[in-house]
C-alpha atoms as a PDB file:
ATOM      1  CA  MET A   1       0.000   0.000   0.000  1.00  0.00           C
ATOM      2  CA  VAL A   2       1.196   3.471  -0.821  1.00  0.00           C
ATOM      3  CA  TYR A   3      -0.491   6.364   0.951  1.00  0.00           C
ATOM      4  CA  SER A   4      -0.307  10.128   0.845  1.00  0.00           C
ATOM      5  CA  ARG A   5       1.069  11.525   4.097  1.00  0.00           C
ATOM      6  CA  ARG A   6      -1.128  14.621   3.761  1.00  0.00           C
ATOM      7  CA  VAL A   7      -4.062  14.710   6.207  1.00  0.00           C
ATOM      8  CA  ASN A   8      -6.273  17.806   6.502  1.00  0.00           C
ATOM      9  CA  GLY A   9      -3.608  19.912   4.760  1.00  0.00           C
ATOM     10  CA  GLU A  10      -0.835  18.757   7.103  1.00  0.00           C
ATOM     11  CA  VAL A  11       2.007  16.412   6.130  1.00  0.00           C
ATOM     12  CA  LEU A  12       2.496  13.625   8.639  1.00  0.00           C
ATOM     13  CA  GLU A  13       5.785  11.851   9.266  1.00  0.00           C
ATOM     14  CA  PHE A  14       5.411   8.117   9.862  1.00  0.00           C
ATOM     15  CA  GLY A  15       7.582   5.574  11.610  1.00  0.00           C
ATOM     16  CA  THR A  16       7.364   1.880  12.336  1.00  0.00           C
ATOM     17  CA  SER A  17       5.930   1.228  15.783  1.00  0.00           C
ATOM     18  CA  GLY A  18       7.293  -2.299  16.039  1.00  0.00           C
ATOM     19  CA  MET A  19       3.785  -3.471  16.954  1.00  0.00           C
ATOM     20  CA  LEU A  20       1.511  -5.794  15.020  1.00  0.00           C
ATOM     21  CA  TYR A  21      -2.253  -6.244  14.989  1.00  0.00           C
ATOM     22  CA  ARG A  22      -3.324  -9.607  13.532  1.00  0.00           C
ATOM     23  CA  SER A  23       0.130  -9.940  11.956  1.00  0.00           C
ATOM     24  CA  ASN A  24      -0.217  -6.550  10.252  1.00  0.00           C
ATOM     25  CA  LYS A  25       2.231  -3.760  10.944  1.00  0.00           C
ATOM     26  CA  LEU A  26       1.092  -0.732  12.896  1.00  0.00           C
ATOM     27  CA  MET A  27       2.834   2.482  11.910  1.00  0.00           C
ATOM     28  CA  TYR A  28       2.634   5.696  13.905  1.00  0.00           C
ATOM     29  CA  ASP A  29       2.724   9.345  13.053  1.00  0.00           C
ATOM     30  CA  ARG A  30       5.408  11.179  14.944  1.00  0.00           C
ATOM     31  CA  GLY A  31       3.303  14.308  15.486  1.00  0.00           C
ATOM     32  CA  THR A  32       0.296  12.889  17.323  1.00  0.00           C
ATOM     33  CA  LYS A  33       1.750   9.467  18.256  1.00  0.00           C
ATOM     34  CA  THR A  34      -1.358   7.862  16.746  1.00  0.00           C
ATOM     35  CA  LEU A  35      -1.036   4.226  15.658  1.00  0.00           C
ATOM     36  CA  TRP A  36      -2.202   3.556  12.084  1.00  0.00           C
ATOM     37  CA  HIS A  37      -3.233   0.260  10.499  1.00  0.00           C
ATOM     38  CA  GLN A  38      -0.899   0.025   7.506  1.00  0.00           C
ATOM     39  CA  PHE A  39      -3.224  -2.121   5.386  1.00  0.00           C
ATOM     40  CA  LEU A  40      -6.330   0.025   5.915  1.00  0.00           C
ATOM     41  CA  GLY A  41      -4.658   3.450   6.224  1.00  0.00           C
ATOM     42  CA  GLU A  42      -6.791   4.233   9.269  1.00  0.00           C
ATOM     43  CA  PRO A  43      -5.858   5.381  12.783  1.00  0.00           C
ATOM     44  CA  VAL A  44      -6.557   2.690  15.389  1.00  0.00           C
ATOM     45  CA  VAL A  45      -5.152   3.992  18.694  1.00  0.00           C
ATOM     46  CA  GLY A  46      -4.429   7.558  19.773  1.00  0.00           C
ATOM     47  CA  PRO A  47      -5.749  11.071  19.282  1.00  0.00           C
ATOM     48  CA  LEU A  48      -6.880  10.463  15.660  1.00  0.00           C
ATOM     49  CA  ASP A  49      -8.711   7.188  16.393  1.00  0.00           C
ATOM     50  CA  ASP A  50     -12.451   7.487  15.634  1.00  0.00           C
ATOM     51  CA  SER A  51     -11.819  10.819  13.867  1.00  0.00           C
ATOM     52  CA  GLY A  52     -12.961   9.516  10.486  1.00  0.00           C
ATOM     53  CA  VAL A  53      -9.566  10.413   9.004  1.00  0.00           C
ATOM     54  CA  GLU A  54      -8.167   8.013   6.405  1.00  0.00           C
ATOM     55  CA  LEU A  55      -4.954   8.166   4.426  1.00  0.00           C
ATOM     56  CA  GLU A  56      -5.472   8.676   0.696  1.00  0.00           C
ATOM     57  CA  LEU A  57      -4.390   5.629  -1.283  1.00  0.00           C
ATOM     58  CA  ILE A  58      -1.950   6.412  -4.102  1.00  0.00           C
ATOM     59  CA  PRO A  59      -1.978   4.108  -7.156  1.00  0.00           C
ATOM     60  CA  ALA A  60       1.134   1.945  -7.387  1.00  0.00           C
ATOM     61  CA  THR A  61       2.584  -0.556  -9.813  1.00  0.00           C
ATOM     62  CA  LEU A  62       4.146  -3.836  -8.759  1.00  0.00           C
ATOM     63  CA  THR A  63       6.492  -4.975 -11.506  1.00  0.00           C
ATOM     64  CA  THR A  64       9.957  -6.284 -12.196  1.00  0.00           C
ATOM     65  CA  TRP A  65      12.895  -3.931 -12.621  1.00  0.00           C
ATOM     66  CA  ILE A  66      13.448  -5.164 -16.197  1.00  0.00           C
ATOM     67  CA  ASP A  67       9.842  -4.470 -17.221  1.00  0.00           C
ATOM     68  CA  TRP A  68       9.826  -1.082 -15.480  1.00  0.00           C
ATOM     69  CA  LEU A  69      13.079  -0.004 -17.111  1.00  0.00           C
ATOM     70  CA  ALA A  70      11.780  -1.039 -20.540  1.00  0.00           C
ATOM     71  CA  LEU A  71       8.815   1.320 -20.080  1.00  0.00           C
ATOM     72  CA  HIS A  72      10.722   4.062 -18.210  1.00  0.00           C
ATOM     73  CA  PRO A  73      14.372   3.989 -19.356  1.00  0.00           C
ATOM     74  CA  GLY A  74      15.261   7.276 -17.623  1.00  0.00           C
ATOM     75  CA  THR A  75      14.421   5.948 -14.151  1.00  0.00           C
ATOM     76  CA  THR A  76      16.977   6.275 -11.385  1.00  0.00           C
ATOM     77  CA  VAL A  77      16.857   4.502  -8.031  1.00  0.00           C
ATOM     78  CA  LEU A  78      18.296   4.958  -4.582  1.00  0.00           C
ATOM     79  CA  ASN A  79      21.368   2.950  -3.751  1.00  0.00           C
ATOM     80  CA  ILE A  80      20.687   0.139  -1.255  1.00  0.00           C
ATOM     81  CA  MET A  81      24.070   0.821   0.361  1.00  0.00           C
ATOM     82  CA  THR A  82      22.570   3.318   2.830  1.00  0.00           C
ATOM     83  CA  GLY A  83      24.289   1.982   5.920  1.00  0.00           C
ATOM     84  CA  VAL A  84      20.897   1.599   7.633  1.00  0.00           C
ATOM     85  CA  TYR A  85      20.588  -2.143   6.979  1.00  0.00           C
ATOM     86  CA  PRO A  86      23.358  -4.567   6.058  1.00  0.00           C
ATOM     87  CA  ILE A  87      23.351  -5.674   2.422  1.00  0.00           C
ATOM     88  CA  THR A  88      22.325  -9.178   3.570  1.00  0.00           C
ATOM     89  CA  SER A  89      18.919  -7.748   4.547  1.00  0.00           C
ATOM     90  CA  TYR A  90      18.157  -7.427   0.847  1.00  0.00           C
ATOM     91  CA  SER A  91      18.675 -11.075  -0.085  1.00  0.00           C
ATOM     92  CA  PRO A  92      15.950 -12.610  -2.283  1.00  0.00           C
ATOM     93  CA  GLU A  93      13.320 -14.388  -0.210  1.00  0.00           C
ATOM     94  CA  ASP A  94      14.247 -17.768  -1.724  1.00  0.00           C
ATOM     95  CA  ASP A  95      17.859 -17.353  -0.514  1.00  0.00           C
ATOM     96  CA  ARG A  96      18.483 -19.355   2.675  1.00  0.00           C
ATOM     97  CA  GLN A  97      20.284 -16.299   4.109  1.00  0.00           C
ATOM     98  CA  SER A  98      17.222 -14.065   3.646  1.00  0.00           C
ATOM     99  CA  ILE A  99      15.704 -12.822   6.883  1.00  0.00           C
ATOM    100  CA  TYR A 100      12.283 -14.118   5.753  1.00  0.00           C
ATOM    101  CA  PHE A 101      13.416 -17.476   4.328  1.00  0.00           C
ATOM    102  CA  ARG A 102      12.501 -19.522   7.418  1.00  0.00           C
ATOM    103  CA  TYR A 103       9.114 -17.807   7.770  1.00  0.00           C
ATOM    104  CA  ARG A 104       8.228 -18.278   4.094  1.00  0.00           C
ATOM    105  CA  ASN A 105       9.222 -21.937   4.161  1.00  0.00           C
ATOM    106  CA  THR A 106       7.361 -23.106   7.255  1.00  0.00           C
ATOM    107  CA  PRO A 107       3.601 -23.683   7.394  1.00  0.00           C
ATOM    108  CA  GLU A 108       3.022 -21.831  10.674  1.00  0.00           C
ATOM    109  CA  THR A 109       2.467 -18.123  11.228  1.00  0.00           C
ATOM    110  CA  ILE A 110       4.658 -16.288  13.731  1.00  0.00           C
ATOM    111  CA  PHE A 111       1.648 -15.006  15.658  1.00  0.00           C
ATOM    112  CA  PRO A 112      -1.750 -16.602  16.291  1.00  0.00           C
ATOM    113  CA  VAL A 113      -4.471 -15.783  13.767  1.00  0.00           C
ATOM    114  CA  PRO A 114      -7.838 -15.794  15.571  1.00  0.00           C
ATOM    115  CA  GLU A 115     -10.108 -15.755  12.509  1.00  0.00           C
ATOM    116  CA  ARG A 116      -9.283 -18.359   9.888  1.00  0.00           C
ATOM    117  CA  THR A 117     -10.958 -19.600   6.744  1.00  0.00           C
ATOM    118  CA  ASP A 118     -10.338 -22.525   4.401  1.00  0.00           C
ATOM    119  CA  ALA A 119     -10.622 -20.253   1.346  1.00  0.00           C
ATOM    120  CA  LEU A 120      -6.817 -20.052   1.025  1.00  0.00           C
ATOM    121  CA  GLU A 121      -3.797 -21.866   2.375  1.00  0.00           C
ATOM    122  CA  THR A 122      -2.200 -20.299   5.454  1.00  0.00           C
ATOM    123  CA  LYS A 123       0.215 -17.522   4.425  1.00  0.00           C
ATOM    124  CA  SER A 124      -1.041 -17.417   0.825  1.00  0.00           C
ATOM    125  CA  GLN A 125       0.076 -14.254  -0.893  1.00  0.00           C
ATOM    126  CA  VAL A 126      -2.701 -12.157  -2.385  1.00  0.00           C
ATOM    127  CA  LEU A 127      -3.115  -9.017  -4.398  1.00  0.00           C
ATOM    128  CA  GLY A 128      -5.560  -6.962  -2.337  1.00  0.00           C
ATOM    129  CA  LEU A 129      -7.559  -4.165  -3.922  1.00  0.00           C
ATOM    130  CA  THR A 130      -9.904  -1.662  -2.300  1.00  0.00           C
ATOM    131  CA  LEU A 131     -12.068   0.711  -4.304  1.00  0.00           C
ATOM    132  CA  ASN A 132     -15.002   2.816  -3.137  1.00  0.00           C
ATOM    133  CA  GLY A 133     -15.153   0.985   0.197  1.00  0.00           C
ATOM    134  CA  LYS A 134     -15.245  -2.523  -1.338  1.00  0.00           C
ATOM    135  CA  SER A 135     -12.342  -4.972  -1.248  1.00  0.00           C
ATOM    136  CA  ILE A 136     -11.216  -8.125  -3.031  1.00  0.00           C
ATOM    137  CA  ALA A 137      -8.164 -10.350  -2.790  1.00  0.00           C
ATOM    138  CA  ASP A 138      -6.847 -12.512  -5.616  1.00  0.00           C
ATOM    139  CA  PRO A 139      -4.250 -15.195  -4.827  1.00  0.00           C
ATOM    140  CA  LEU A 140      -0.992 -14.398  -6.613  1.00  0.00           C
ATOM    141  CA  GLU A 141      -0.762 -17.974  -7.867  1.00  0.00           C
ATOM    142  CA  SER A 142      -4.030 -17.515  -9.798  1.00  0.00           C
ATOM    143  CA  LEU A 143      -2.510 -14.473 -11.498  1.00  0.00           C
ATOM    144  CA  SER A 144       0.243 -16.636 -12.961  1.00  0.00           C
ATOM    145  CA  GLN A 145      -2.463 -18.754 -14.637  1.00  0.00           C
ATOM    146  CA  ARG A 146      -4.589 -15.819 -15.875  1.00  0.00           C
ATOM    147  CA  LEU A 147      -2.394 -12.890 -16.864  1.00  0.00           C
ATOM    148  CA  VAL A 148      -5.340 -10.535 -17.448  1.00  0.00           C
ATOM    149  CA  ILE A 149      -8.280 -10.327 -15.052  1.00  0.00           C
ATOM    150  CA  ASN A 150     -11.290  -8.146 -15.794  1.00  0.00           C
ATOM    151  CA  ASP A 151     -13.409  -7.477 -12.737  1.00  0.00           C
ATOM    152  CA  THR A 152     -15.724  -4.953 -11.148  1.00  0.00           C
ATOM    153  CA  LEU A 153     -15.124  -3.513  -7.696  1.00  0.00           C
ATOM    154  CA  GLY A 154     -17.007  -0.808  -5.867  1.00  0.00           C
ATOM    155  CA  GLY A 155     -19.088  -0.090  -8.965  1.00  0.00           C
ATOM    156  CA  GLN A 156     -16.038   0.462 -11.212  1.00  0.00           C
ATOM    157  CA  ASP A 157     -14.523  -1.762 -13.861  1.00  0.00           C
ATOM    158  CA  LEU A 158     -10.894  -2.710 -13.338  1.00  0.00           C
ATOM    159  CA  VAL A 159      -8.207  -4.694 -15.088  1.00  0.00           C
ATOM    160  CA  VAL A 160      -5.359  -6.518 -13.347  1.00  0.00           C
ATOM    161  CA  ILE A 161      -2.457  -7.282 -15.676  1.00  0.00           C
ATOM    162  CA  ALA A 162       0.258  -9.718 -14.690  1.00  0.00           C
ATOM    163  CA  THR A 163       3.400 -10.964 -16.374  1.00  0.00           C
ATOM    164  CA  ASP A 164       4.829 -14.435 -16.084  1.00  0.00           C
ATOM    165  CA  GLN A 165       7.068 -12.943 -13.345  1.00  0.00           C
ATOM    166  CA  GLY A 166       4.369 -11.318 -11.233  1.00  0.00           C
ATOM    167  CA  VAL A 167       1.715  -8.624 -11.090  1.00  0.00           C
END
């Protein structure tokens, strides 16, 4: 999810709280110390909770670097050698040295999940979309079988386009 940091004309500065709610990261804004649900873009604890404020969702593209560069050859990126995290933090998730390798390759979740369904396997990856207050989730594995999905969500037509390497 990519959100605008602008709320009621003010630009908020966010940080990672280190807390999770149902295995979803809670971020906080440094000004009010409000905790925000990162998937919903809504405040959940603090002065802005129950205020009706929501972060504006900004459209984003999930693609490979090769495909992006083919469409946008003038793109530049930040260097990952920032000194904030060691280079090993950026290992591909299928690399045994990756910090998420063990989690991705075990059937259990790190934290208990109180509400479960048999609709998907535990820890299935999905592409989640929210539009006009309605939400859907498509398993990523289904997107490798159908590279173009036409759907309707929240009263609007939408198209999800995938490549053989991902959405």
